[in-house]
N, C-alpha and C. Protein backbone atom coordinates (compact mmCIF):
# COMPACT_ATOMS: atom_id res chain seq x y z
N UNK A 1 22.28 -5.39 -3.02
CA UNK A 1 20.94 -5.38 -3.57
C UNK A 1 20.69 -4.01 -4.21
N UNK A 2 20.23 -3.97 -5.46
CA UNK A 2 20.04 -2.69 -6.13
C UNK A 2 18.89 -1.91 -5.51
N UNK A 3 18.99 -0.60 -5.57
CA UNK A 3 17.94 0.26 -5.03
C UNK A 3 16.74 0.23 -5.97
N UNK A 4 15.57 0.25 -5.40
CA UNK A 4 14.34 0.27 -6.19
C UNK A 4 14.04 1.70 -6.61
N UNK A 5 13.50 1.84 -7.80
CA UNK A 5 13.06 3.16 -8.25
C UNK A 5 11.72 3.47 -7.59
N UNK A 6 11.34 4.72 -7.67
CA UNK A 6 10.06 5.14 -7.11
C UNK A 6 8.93 4.36 -7.74
N UNK A 7 8.98 4.17 -9.05
CA UNK A 7 7.91 3.46 -9.76
C UNK A 7 7.82 2.02 -9.28
N UNK A 8 8.97 1.35 -9.11
CA UNK A 8 8.96 -0.03 -8.63
C UNK A 8 8.41 -0.12 -7.21
N UNK A 9 8.80 0.81 -6.35
CA UNK A 9 8.30 0.79 -4.97
C UNK A 9 6.80 1.05 -4.93
N UNK A 10 6.32 1.99 -5.75
CA UNK A 10 4.88 2.25 -5.80
C UNK A 10 4.12 1.06 -6.38
N UNK A 11 4.71 0.40 -7.37
CA UNK A 11 4.06 -0.78 -7.97
C UNK A 11 3.93 -1.90 -6.94
N UNK A 12 5.00 -2.15 -6.16
CA UNK A 12 4.94 -3.17 -5.12
C UNK A 12 3.90 -2.83 -4.06
N UNK A 13 3.86 -1.56 -3.67
CA UNK A 13 2.87 -1.13 -2.70
C UNK A 13 1.46 -1.36 -3.25
N UNK A 14 1.25 -0.98 -4.50
CA UNK A 14 -0.06 -1.15 -5.14
C UNK A 14 -0.47 -2.63 -5.17
N UNK A 15 0.45 -3.50 -5.63
CA UNK A 15 0.13 -4.92 -5.72
C UNK A 15 -0.20 -5.51 -4.35
N UNK A 16 0.54 -5.10 -3.34
CA UNK A 16 0.29 -5.59 -1.99
C UNK A 16 -1.10 -5.18 -1.51
N UNK A 17 -1.45 -3.91 -1.73
CA UNK A 17 -2.74 -3.43 -1.24
C UNK A 17 -3.90 -3.94 -2.07
N UNK A 18 -3.71 -4.17 -3.36
CA UNK A 18 -4.79 -4.76 -4.17
C UNK A 18 -5.14 -6.12 -3.61
N UNK A 19 -4.12 -6.91 -3.28
CA UNK A 19 -4.36 -8.24 -2.73
C UNK A 19 -5.12 -8.14 -1.41
N UNK A 20 -4.67 -7.25 -0.54
CA UNK A 20 -5.31 -7.10 0.77
C UNK A 20 -6.75 -6.62 0.65
N UNK A 21 -7.00 -5.65 -0.23
CA UNK A 21 -8.36 -5.13 -0.42
C UNK A 21 -9.26 -6.21 -1.00
N UNK A 22 -8.78 -6.95 -1.99
CA UNK A 22 -9.60 -8.02 -2.56
C UNK A 22 -9.95 -9.07 -1.52
N UNK A 23 -9.00 -9.42 -0.66
CA UNK A 23 -9.28 -10.39 0.40
C UNK A 23 -10.31 -9.83 1.38
N UNK A 24 -10.20 -8.55 1.73
CA UNK A 24 -11.15 -7.93 2.65
C UNK A 24 -12.54 -7.87 2.03
N UNK A 25 -12.62 -7.56 0.74
CA UNK A 25 -13.91 -7.55 0.05
C UNK A 25 -14.52 -8.94 0.07
N UNK A 26 -13.70 -9.95 -0.20
CA UNK A 26 -14.17 -11.33 -0.18
C UNK A 26 -14.70 -11.76 1.17
N UNK A 27 -14.17 -11.17 2.23
CA UNK A 27 -14.62 -11.48 3.59
C UNK A 27 -15.78 -10.61 4.02
N UNK A 28 -16.18 -9.65 3.16
CA UNK A 28 -17.27 -8.74 3.53
C UNK A 28 -16.85 -7.70 4.56
N UNK A 29 -15.58 -7.37 4.62
CA UNK A 29 -15.05 -6.44 5.62
C UNK A 29 -14.88 -5.05 5.02
N UNK A 30 -15.98 -4.37 4.79
CA UNK A 30 -15.92 -3.03 4.21
C UNK A 30 -15.16 -2.06 5.11
N UNK A 31 -15.26 -2.24 6.42
CA UNK A 31 -14.51 -1.37 7.34
C UNK A 31 -13.00 -1.51 7.11
N UNK A 32 -12.55 -2.72 6.89
CA UNK A 32 -11.14 -2.97 6.63
C UNK A 32 -10.73 -2.40 5.26
N UNK A 33 -11.62 -2.50 4.28
CA UNK A 33 -11.33 -1.95 2.95
C UNK A 33 -11.03 -0.46 3.06
N UNK A 34 -11.87 0.28 3.78
CA UNK A 34 -11.66 1.73 3.90
C UNK A 34 -10.39 2.06 4.66
N UNK A 35 -10.07 1.28 5.67
CA UNK A 35 -8.83 1.51 6.41
C UNK A 35 -7.61 1.24 5.52
N UNK A 36 -7.68 0.18 4.71
CA UNK A 36 -6.59 -0.12 3.79
C UNK A 36 -6.43 0.97 2.73
N UNK A 37 -7.54 1.51 2.25
CA UNK A 37 -7.49 2.59 1.27
C UNK A 37 -6.78 3.80 1.88
N UNK A 38 -7.14 4.15 3.10
CA UNK A 38 -6.49 5.28 3.78
C UNK A 38 -5.00 5.02 3.98
N UNK A 39 -4.65 3.81 4.43
CA UNK A 39 -3.25 3.46 4.65
C UNK A 39 -2.46 3.52 3.34
N UNK A 40 -3.05 2.99 2.27
CA UNK A 40 -2.38 2.98 0.98
C UNK A 40 -2.08 4.40 0.51
N UNK A 41 -3.07 5.27 0.63
CA UNK A 41 -2.90 6.66 0.19
C UNK A 41 -1.77 7.32 0.96
N UNK A 42 -1.77 7.14 2.27
CA UNK A 42 -0.73 7.75 3.10
C UNK A 42 0.65 7.21 2.75
N UNK A 43 0.79 5.89 2.61
CA UNK A 43 2.09 5.30 2.29
C UNK A 43 2.57 5.73 0.91
N UNK A 44 1.67 5.80 -0.07
CA UNK A 44 2.06 6.22 -1.42
C UNK A 44 2.56 7.66 -1.40
N UNK A 45 1.87 8.52 -0.68
CA UNK A 45 2.31 9.91 -0.58
C UNK A 45 3.67 10.01 0.11
N UNK A 46 3.87 9.21 1.14
CA UNK A 46 5.15 9.23 1.85
C UNK A 46 6.28 8.74 0.96
N UNK A 47 6.03 7.69 0.18
CA UNK A 47 7.05 7.19 -0.74
C UNK A 47 7.42 8.25 -1.77
N UNK A 48 6.44 8.94 -2.30
CA UNK A 48 6.72 9.98 -3.29
C UNK A 48 7.43 11.16 -2.65
N UNK A 49 7.06 11.51 -1.42
CA UNK A 49 7.72 12.62 -0.73
C UNK A 49 9.18 12.29 -0.45
N UNK A 50 9.48 11.02 -0.15
CA UNK A 50 10.87 10.60 0.07
C UNK A 50 11.69 10.82 -1.18
N UNK A 51 11.13 10.50 -2.32
CA UNK A 51 11.85 10.60 -3.59
C UNK A 51 12.07 12.04 -4.01
N UNK A 52 11.06 12.87 -3.81
CA UNK A 52 11.11 14.23 -4.32
C UNK A 52 11.35 15.29 -3.25
N UNK A 53 11.34 14.88 -2.00
CA UNK A 53 11.53 15.83 -0.91
C UNK A 53 10.25 16.62 -0.65
N UNK A 54 10.23 17.34 0.46
CA UNK A 54 9.04 18.13 0.77
C UNK A 54 8.88 19.25 -0.25
N UNK A 55 7.74 19.33 -0.85
CA UNK A 55 7.53 20.36 -1.87
C UNK A 55 6.66 21.50 -1.36
N UNK A 56 6.04 21.30 -0.23
CA UNK A 56 5.14 22.34 0.26
C UNK A 56 5.90 23.47 0.97
N UNK A 57 7.02 23.17 1.59
CA UNK A 57 7.80 24.18 2.27
C UNK A 57 7.29 24.58 3.65
N UNK A 58 6.24 23.94 4.12
CA UNK A 58 5.70 24.25 5.45
C UNK A 58 6.40 23.41 6.51
N UNK A 59 6.81 24.05 7.58
CA UNK A 59 7.52 23.35 8.65
C UNK A 59 6.63 22.37 9.39
N UNK A 60 5.32 22.60 9.42
CA UNK A 60 4.42 21.74 10.18
C UNK A 60 3.58 20.83 9.28
N UNK A 61 4.05 20.56 8.07
CA UNK A 61 3.32 19.69 7.14
C UNK A 61 3.24 18.28 7.71
N UNK A 62 2.06 17.71 7.74
CA UNK A 62 1.85 16.37 8.28
C UNK A 62 2.52 15.28 7.48
N UNK A 63 2.64 15.43 6.20
CA UNK A 63 3.29 14.43 5.36
C UNK A 63 4.80 14.61 5.37
N UNK A 64 5.26 15.84 5.20
CA UNK A 64 6.70 16.10 5.05
C UNK A 64 7.48 15.86 6.34
N UNK A 65 6.85 15.94 7.50
CA UNK A 65 7.57 15.79 8.76
C UNK A 65 7.50 14.37 9.32
N UNK A 66 6.84 13.46 8.64
CA UNK A 66 6.75 12.08 9.13
C UNK A 66 8.03 11.32 8.82
N UNK A 67 8.32 10.30 9.63
CA UNK A 67 9.49 9.48 9.33
C UNK A 67 9.27 8.71 8.03
N UNK A 68 10.32 8.23 7.41
CA UNK A 68 10.18 7.50 6.15
C UNK A 68 9.26 6.29 6.30
N UNK A 69 8.55 5.99 5.23
CA UNK A 69 7.64 4.84 5.23
C UNK A 69 8.44 3.55 5.24
N UNK A 70 7.93 2.53 5.91
CA UNK A 70 8.62 1.24 5.87
C UNK A 70 8.52 0.65 4.47
N UNK A 71 9.43 -0.23 4.11
CA UNK A 71 9.34 -0.82 2.77
C UNK A 71 8.06 -1.64 2.64
N UNK A 72 7.52 -1.64 1.45
CA UNK A 72 6.29 -2.40 1.20
C UNK A 72 6.59 -3.89 1.31
N UNK A 73 5.65 -4.66 1.89
CA UNK A 73 5.87 -6.10 1.96
C UNK A 73 5.82 -6.69 0.56
N UNK A 74 6.46 -7.83 0.35
CA UNK A 74 6.42 -8.43 -0.98
C UNK A 74 4.99 -8.84 -1.34
N UNK A 75 4.66 -8.66 -2.58
CA UNK A 75 3.31 -9.01 -3.06
C UNK A 75 3.20 -10.52 -3.19
N UNK A 76 2.04 -11.08 -2.85
CA UNK A 76 1.83 -12.51 -3.03
C UNK A 76 1.70 -12.83 -4.52
N UNK A 77 1.74 -14.09 -4.89
CA UNK A 77 1.56 -14.45 -6.29
C UNK A 77 0.23 -13.90 -6.80
N UNK A 78 0.16 -13.52 -8.08
CA UNK A 78 -1.05 -12.90 -8.62
C UNK A 78 -2.32 -13.68 -8.39
N UNK A 79 -2.27 -14.99 -8.41
CA UNK A 79 -3.49 -15.77 -8.25
C UNK A 79 -3.73 -16.19 -6.80
N UNK A 80 -2.87 -15.79 -5.89
CA UNK A 80 -2.99 -16.23 -4.49
C UNK A 80 -4.25 -15.79 -3.80
N UNK A 81 -4.72 -14.58 -4.10
CA UNK A 81 -5.91 -14.10 -3.40
C UNK A 81 -7.15 -14.88 -3.80
N UNK A 82 -7.18 -15.36 -5.03
CA UNK A 82 -8.34 -16.17 -5.45
C UNK A 82 -8.40 -17.46 -4.64
N UNK A 83 -7.24 -18.08 -4.44
CA UNK A 83 -7.18 -19.30 -3.64
C UNK A 83 -7.62 -19.02 -2.20
N UNK A 84 -7.16 -17.91 -1.65
CA UNK A 84 -7.53 -17.53 -0.29
C UNK A 84 -9.03 -17.34 -0.17
N UNK A 85 -9.62 -16.65 -1.15
CA UNK A 85 -11.07 -16.45 -1.12
C UNK A 85 -11.83 -17.76 -1.18
N UNK A 86 -11.35 -18.71 -1.99
CA UNK A 86 -12.01 -20.02 -2.05
C UNK A 86 -11.91 -20.71 -0.71
N UNK A 87 -10.73 -20.64 -0.08
CA UNK A 87 -10.54 -21.28 1.23
C UNK A 87 -11.44 -20.66 2.29
N UNK A 88 -11.71 -19.34 2.15
CA UNK A 88 -12.55 -18.64 3.12
C UNK A 88 -14.03 -18.77 2.81
N UNK A 89 -14.36 -19.51 1.74
CA UNK A 89 -15.77 -19.72 1.41
C UNK A 89 -16.31 -18.71 0.44
N UNK A 90 -15.44 -17.94 -0.18
CA UNK A 90 -15.86 -16.95 -1.18
C UNK A 90 -16.09 -17.60 -2.52
N UNK A 91 -15.90 -16.84 -3.55
CA UNK A 91 -16.17 -17.29 -4.92
C UNK A 91 -15.21 -18.31 -5.41
């Protein structure tokens, strides 16, 4: 299996989280939206740090010393979240 580029990995992460955030918004779960936003930011930074290495040079950096991020889950079909929202009673 070919290795994914940083851009492809970030794109998959983005697509996955867009779907999750849209579903949370549809459910009225603002608390979940904010948690997903925080998780997305952390995972994106970790993915970029893996590609480029630690750039800060600090031994106790919270991002640079973390283990590698798990691979992003596969994104659902582009129109899947709309169907989910309809099933949940949304728009």
